[in-house]
C-alpha cells in the first residue's frame, strides 16, 4: 500500500513538488539557523555601528588632551566592526531607519573627566550606547562585543594620553632643572667676579683717600695767599677804572683832532685860491716890465 502511494506521488508532479518543498523547508531553516549561531562574532566587520563624538578637548599639564579625537583615530584603524563616524542628528536618523545596530556616543565631558584620573576624587569616564531593539538578538550581542572593544580602545587611549602628558611634564621639569643648574653656575661665576670687583673697589677707594689727603696738604698753604689775591683783584679793578677814564680822554682828543683836520683842510683850500691870485699878479707884473 505504501509502495502504491509512492508510485502515485511519483506520477503526479504537482504532489511530488509539494512534498519536496515541505521536506526542504525545515532543512533550510536548520541550515540558516546554524549559520547564524555557529560563529556569530566571526564576521562582524560589516556590522554597522555609529560613533558620535561630542567630546570637547581640555588642557592638561599645559598640553591639549583630546581623548575623543584620539579614540576616533584608533577606531578608524580598527576593522573588527563596521564603524560609521557620524553626527548626533545622523545617528538618530539612522537608528529610526534601522541603518545602525548600535549608536555609541562620547559625551562632551569625556576628556574633562579623563583629566581627573590622577586627582584625589577622579570622575568616571562613561560612554552612552544605544542598541536598536528592533534588530535581532544576535545583532544586540555583537553590538555588546563592539562596545567592550571600544572601551578597551578608550582605556588604551587614555593611558597613552596620560603617559604622553606625564613624559612631556617630566621633560619640561628636566629642562627646568638644567636651566636652573646653568643659572646656578652663572651665579657662582658672578659671585667670583663680584668678589674681585669688591677688592678692586676697595683698592680704588684707598687710592682716592690718599689723593684727598694729598690735595688737603697742597690746598692748606693756598689759604694764606687768598688775602693777597683779593688785594691784587682790587688793584686790577682800580686800574680798569683809570683805563676807562683815559679812554674817555682819548676819545675827546680824537674828536678835537678831527675838528683841527677840518680847519687845516679849509686853510689849504684858501691857500690854493690865493696861490692862483698870486700867480695872476706875477703874470701882470712881468707884462708891465716888458713894456
Protein backbone atom coordinates (compact mmCIF):
# COMPACT_ATOMS: atom_id res chain seq x y z
CA UNK A 1 0.00 0.00 0.00
CA UNK A 2 2.84 2.40 0.85
CA UNK A 3 4.52 1.40 -2.35
CA UNK A 4 1.42 2.32 -4.27
CA UNK A 5 1.32 5.70 -2.58
CA UNK A 6 4.90 6.48 -3.63
CA UNK A 7 4.09 5.41 -7.16
CA UNK A 8 1.10 7.74 -7.16
CA UNK A 9 3.18 10.65 -5.88
CA UNK A 10 5.84 9.94 -8.47
CA UNK A 11 3.32 10.02 -11.26
CA UNK A 12 1.69 13.27 -10.04
CA UNK A 13 4.34 16.04 -10.46
CA UNK A 14 2.42 18.65 -8.50
CA UNK A 15 2.15 16.43 -5.46
CA UNK A 16 5.84 15.49 -5.81
CA UNK A 17 6.88 19.15 -5.87
CA UNK A 18 4.78 19.89 -2.80
CA UNK A 19 6.35 17.03 -0.88
CA UNK A 20 9.87 18.17 -1.83
CA UNK A 21 9.21 21.75 -0.75
CA UNK A 22 7.70 20.66 2.55
CA UNK A 23 10.74 18.45 3.14
CA UNK A 24 13.31 21.15 2.25
CA UNK A 25 11.80 23.97 4.34
CA UNK A 26 12.87 22.52 7.74
CA UNK A 27 16.25 21.60 6.28
CA UNK A 28 16.86 25.11 5.00
CA UNK A 29 15.67 26.60 8.28
CA UNK A 30 18.15 24.45 10.19
CA UNK A 31 20.98 25.49 7.88
CA UNK A 32 20.28 29.22 8.22
CA UNK A 33 19.79 28.98 11.97
CA UNK A 34 23.01 27.04 12.48
CA UNK A 35 24.86 29.52 10.28
CA UNK A 36 23.59 32.43 12.38
CA UNK A 37 24.65 30.91 15.70
CA UNK A 38 27.67 28.89 14.59
CA UNK A 39 30.19 31.78 14.76
CA UNK A 40 28.27 34.98 15.48
CA UNK A 41 31.46 37.03 16.09
CA UNK A 42 33.46 35.75 13.15
CA UNK A 43 32.06 38.20 10.60
CA UNK A 44 31.43 41.49 12.40
CA UNK A 45 33.33 43.84 10.10
CA UNK A 46 30.11 44.56 8.22
CA UNK A 47 28.04 45.22 11.36
CA UNK A 48 27.13 48.94 11.19
CA UNK A 49 27.94 50.76 14.43
CA UNK A 50 27.59 54.54 14.56
CA UNK A 51 30.03 56.57 16.67
CA UNK A 52 29.18 60.14 17.71
CA UNK A 53 31.95 62.29 19.19
CA UNK A 54 30.67 65.17 21.33
CA UNK A 55 33.88 65.38 23.35
CA UNK A 56 35.46 68.78 23.90
CA UNK A 57 39.27 68.87 24.34
CA UNK A 58 40.79 70.29 27.53
CA UNK A 59 44.23 71.42 28.67
CA UNK A 60 46.12 69.09 30.99
CA UNK A 61 49.57 69.91 32.39
CA UNK A 62 49.89 72.59 29.73
CA UNK A 63 49.10 70.12 26.93
CA UNK A 64 45.97 69.62 24.84
CA UNK A 65 44.09 66.48 25.91
CA UNK A 66 41.60 65.29 23.27
CA UNK A 67 40.67 61.71 24.15
CA UNK A 68 37.62 61.74 21.87
CA UNK A 69 39.59 62.57 18.72
CA UNK A 70 42.32 60.09 19.67
CA UNK A 71 39.67 57.40 20.15
CA UNK A 72 38.20 58.05 16.71
CA UNK A 73 41.67 57.87 15.18
CA UNK A 74 42.20 54.48 16.82
CA UNK A 75 38.80 53.17 15.70
CA UNK A 76 39.44 54.16 12.10
CA UNK A 77 42.33 51.70 12.17
CA UNK A 78 40.15 49.01 13.79
CA UNK A 79 38.35 46.74 11.33
CA UNK A 80 36.57 44.46 13.80
CA UNK A 81 33.27 46.32 13.29
CA UNK A 82 31.76 48.48 10.60
CA UNK A 83 32.31 51.83 12.27
CA UNK A 84 30.40 54.84 10.97
CA UNK A 85 31.56 58.21 12.33
CA UNK A 86 28.52 60.46 12.10
CA UNK A 87 26.90 63.44 13.80
CA UNK A 88 24.30 63.13 16.53
CA UNK A 89 21.46 64.00 14.14
CA UNK A 90 22.62 61.47 11.55
CA UNK A 91 22.86 58.78 14.24
CA UNK A 92 19.27 59.37 15.40
CA UNK A 93 18.03 59.32 11.83
CA UNK A 94 19.93 56.10 11.12
CA UNK A 95 18.53 54.39 14.21
CA UNK A 96 14.97 55.19 13.16
CA UNK A 97 15.67 53.81 9.70
CA UNK A 98 17.27 50.62 11.15
CA UNK A 99 20.54 51.62 9.50
CA UNK A 100 22.70 51.03 12.58
CA UNK A 101 22.72 48.24 15.13
CA UNK A 102 24.21 50.45 17.80
CA UNK A 103 24.99 54.13 18.34
CA UNK A 104 27.91 54.89 20.66
CA UNK A 105 28.21 58.47 21.94
CA UNK A 106 31.29 60.04 23.52
CA UNK A 107 29.95 62.77 25.87
CA UNK A 108 31.24 66.32 25.79
CA UNK A 109 32.98 65.97 29.20
CA UNK A 110 34.87 62.83 28.19
CA UNK A 111 38.33 64.46 28.08
CA UNK A 112 37.45 66.65 31.07
CA UNK A 113 36.74 63.58 33.19
CA UNK A 114 39.85 61.87 31.82
CA UNK A 115 41.92 64.78 33.14
CA UNK A 116 40.82 63.92 36.71
CA UNK A 117 42.26 60.39 36.77
CA UNK A 118 45.24 61.49 38.88
CA UNK A 119 43.07 63.61 41.20
CA UNK A 120 42.07 62.53 44.69
CA UNK A 121 38.47 62.03 43.56
CA UNK A 122 38.57 61.17 39.84
CA UNK A 123 35.40 61.37 37.78
CA UNK A 124 34.19 58.30 35.93
CA UNK A 125 34.51 58.25 32.17
CA UNK A 126 31.20 56.96 30.82
CA UNK A 127 30.04 56.07 27.33
CA UNK A 128 26.49 56.23 26.13
CA UNK A 129 25.42 53.49 23.77
CA UNK A 130 22.01 52.72 22.36
CA UNK A 131 21.11 49.41 20.73
CA UNK A 132 18.41 49.11 18.12
CA UNK A 133 15.78 46.87 19.79
CA UNK A 134 14.05 46.21 16.51
CA UNK A 135 17.00 44.15 15.29
CA UNK A 136 17.67 40.52 16.11
CA UNK A 137 19.23 39.20 19.29
CA UNK A 138 22.45 38.20 17.57
CA UNK A 139 22.94 41.80 16.44
CA UNK A 140 22.48 43.04 20.01
CA UNK A 141 25.05 40.57 21.33
CA UNK A 142 27.55 41.53 18.65
CA UNK A 143 26.96 45.22 19.44
CA UNK A 144 27.76 44.48 23.08
CA UNK A 145 31.04 42.90 22.00
CA UNK A 146 31.75 46.04 19.94
CA UNK A 147 31.19 48.25 22.98
CA UNK A 148 33.62 46.15 25.03
CA UNK A 149 36.19 46.52 22.28
CA UNK A 150 35.56 50.27 22.20
CA UNK A 151 36.03 50.50 25.96
CA UNK A 152 39.36 48.73 25.60
CA UNK A 153 40.38 51.17 22.89
CA UNK A 154 39.35 54.10 25.07
CA UNK A 155 41.32 52.83 28.07
CA UNK A 156 44.36 52.43 25.85
CA UNK A 157 43.88 55.96 24.51
CA UNK A 158 43.57 57.42 27.99
CA UNK A 159 46.72 55.58 29.07
CA UNK A 160 48.65 56.84 26.05
CA UNK A 161 47.39 60.39 26.56
CA UNK A 162 48.39 60.42 30.21
CA UNK A 163 51.75 58.79 29.52
CA UNK A 164 52.47 61.40 26.86
CA UNK A 165 51.41 64.24 29.18
CA UNK A 166 53.49 62.88 32.07
CA UNK A 167 56.56 62.40 29.85
CA UNK A 168 56.17 65.90 28.47
CA UNK A 169 55.87 67.23 32.02
CA UNK A 170 58.97 65.30 33.12
CA UNK A 171 60.82 66.63 30.08
CA UNK A 172 59.75 70.16 30.94
CA UNK A 173 60.85 69.69 34.55
CA UNK A 174 64.16 68.24 33.33
CA UNK A 175 64.74 71.24 31.10
CA UNK A 176 63.88 73.48 34.05
CA UNK A 177 66.43 71.69 36.25
CA UNK A 178 69.04 72.02 33.51
CA UNK A 179 68.30 75.72 33.20
CA UNK A 180 68.44 76.10 36.98
CA UNK A 181 71.81 74.32 37.08
CA UNK A 182 73.15 76.63 34.38
CA UNK A 183 71.84 79.64 36.27
CA UNK A 184 73.48 78.39 39.46
CA UNK A 185 76.79 78.10 37.63
CA UNK A 186 76.39 81.63 36.29
CA UNK A 187 75.55 82.88 39.79
CA UNK A 188 78.68 81.22 41.16
CA UNK A 189 80.82 82.79 38.43
CA UNK A 190 79.12 86.12 39.06
CA UNK A 191 79.88 85.83 42.78
CA UNK A 192 83.56 85.34 41.98
CA UNK A 193 83.51 88.40 39.70
CA UNK A 194 81.68 90.35 42.41
CA UNK A 195 84.36 89.45 44.96
CA UNK A 196 87.06 90.58 42.53
CA UNK A 197 85.15 93.79 41.87
CA UNK A 198 84.82 94.49 45.60
CA UNK A 199 88.57 94.05 46.02
CA UNK A 200 89.23 96.44 43.13
CA UNK A 201 86.73 98.89 44.58
CA UNK A 202 88.48 98.77 47.96
CA UNK A 203 91.85 99.49 46.33
CA UNK A 204 90.35 102.37 44.33
CA UNK A 205 88.74 103.86 47.45
CA UNK A 206 92.09 103.70 49.21
CA UNK A 207 93.75 105.50 46.30
CA UNK A 208 91.05 108.18 46.30
CA UNK A 209 91.54 108.69 50.03
CA UNK A 210 95.29 109.12 49.51
CA UNK A 211 94.57 111.67 46.77
CA UNK A 212 92.22 113.61 49.05
CA UNK A 213 94.85 113.78 51.77
CA UNK A 214 97.45 114.98 49.27
CA UNK A 215 95.09 117.66 47.96
CA UNK A 216 94.41 118.78 51.53
CA UNK A 217 98.13 119.25 52.12
CA UNK A 218 98.50 121.22 48.86
CA UNK A 219 95.46 123.42 49.48
CA UNK A 220 96.45 124.43 53.05
CA UNK A 221 99.30 126.86 52.01
CA UNK A 222 96.99 128.45 49.45
CA UNK A 223 94.67 129.78 52.17
CA UNK A 224 97.29 132.32 53.28
CA UNK A 225 97.54 133.70 49.72
CA UNK A 226 93.82 134.41 49.43
CA UNK A 227 94.04 137.97 51.06
CA UNK A 228 96.86 138.88 48.67
CA UNK A 229 94.76 137.59 45.80
CA UNK A 230 91.86 139.82 46.93
CA UNK A 231 94.17 142.88 47.18
CA UNK A 232 95.52 142.24 43.70
CA UNK A 233 91.97 141.93 42.39
CA UNK A 234 91.15 145.35 43.90
CA UNK A 235 94.23 146.89 42.25
CA UNK A 236 93.18 145.41 38.92
CA UNK A 237 89.72 146.95 39.39
CA UNK A 238 91.27 150.39 40.11
CA UNK A 239 93.50 150.13 37.05
CA UNK A 240 90.46 149.24 34.93
CA UNK A 241 88.69 152.41 36.15
CA UNK A 242 91.77 154.56 35.35
CA UNK A 243 91.95 152.92 31.93
CA UNK A 244 88.28 153.71 31.40
CA UNK A 245 88.90 157.44 32.21
CA UNK A 246 91.91 157.56 29.89
CA UNK A 247 89.81 156.01 27.16
CA UNK A 248 87.26 158.81 27.57
CA UNK A 249 90.00 161.49 27.29
CA UNK A 250 91.39 159.71 24.25
CA UNK A 251 88.00 159.82 22.58
CA UNK A 252 87.72 163.59 23.28
CA UNK A 253 91.21 164.21 21.82
CA UNK A 254 90.28 162.21 18.71
CA UNK A 255 87.23 164.44 18.24
CA UNK A 256 89.36 167.59 18.60
CA UNK A 257 91.88 166.16 16.14
CA UNK A 258 89.10 165.59 13.64
CA UNK A 259 87.93 169.23 14.03
CA UNK A 260 91.51 170.56 13.56
CA UNK A 261 91.90 168.41 10.48
CA UNK A 262 88.78 170.05 9.04
CA UNK A 263 90.23 173.51 9.69
CA UNK A 264 93.54 172.54 8.06
CA UNK A 265 91.64 171.31 5.02
CA UNK A 266 89.77 174.64 4.81
CA UNK A 267 93.04 176.64 5.15
CA UNK A 268 94.60 174.56 2.39
CA UNK A 269 91.68 175.45 0.14
CA UNK A 270 92.10 179.17 0.89
CA UNK A 271 95.83 178.90 0.29
CA UNK A 272 95.21 177.29 -3.05
CA UNK A 273 92.90 180.13 -4.15
CA UNK A 274 95.39 182.79 -3.00
CA UNK A 275 98.13 180.99 -4.88
CA UNK A 276 96.10 181.35 -8.06
CA UNK A 277 95.65 185.08 -7.41
CA UNK A 278 99.36 185.48 -6.73
CA UNK A 279 100.16 183.70 -9.95
CA UNK A 280 97.93 186.07 -11.87
CA UNK A 281 99.56 189.15 -10.26
CA UNK A 282 103.05 187.88 -11.09
CA UNK A 283 101.96 187.44 -14.70
CA UNK A 284 100.73 191.06 -14.92
CA UNK A 285 103.94 192.32 -13.32
CA UNK A 286 106.02 190.57 -15.93
CA UNK A 287 103.94 192.12 -18.70
CA UNK A 288 104.38 195.64 -17.33
CA UNK A 289 108.18 195.23 -17.17
CA UNK A 290 108.32 194.19 -20.79
CA UNK A 291 106.52 197.35 -21.88
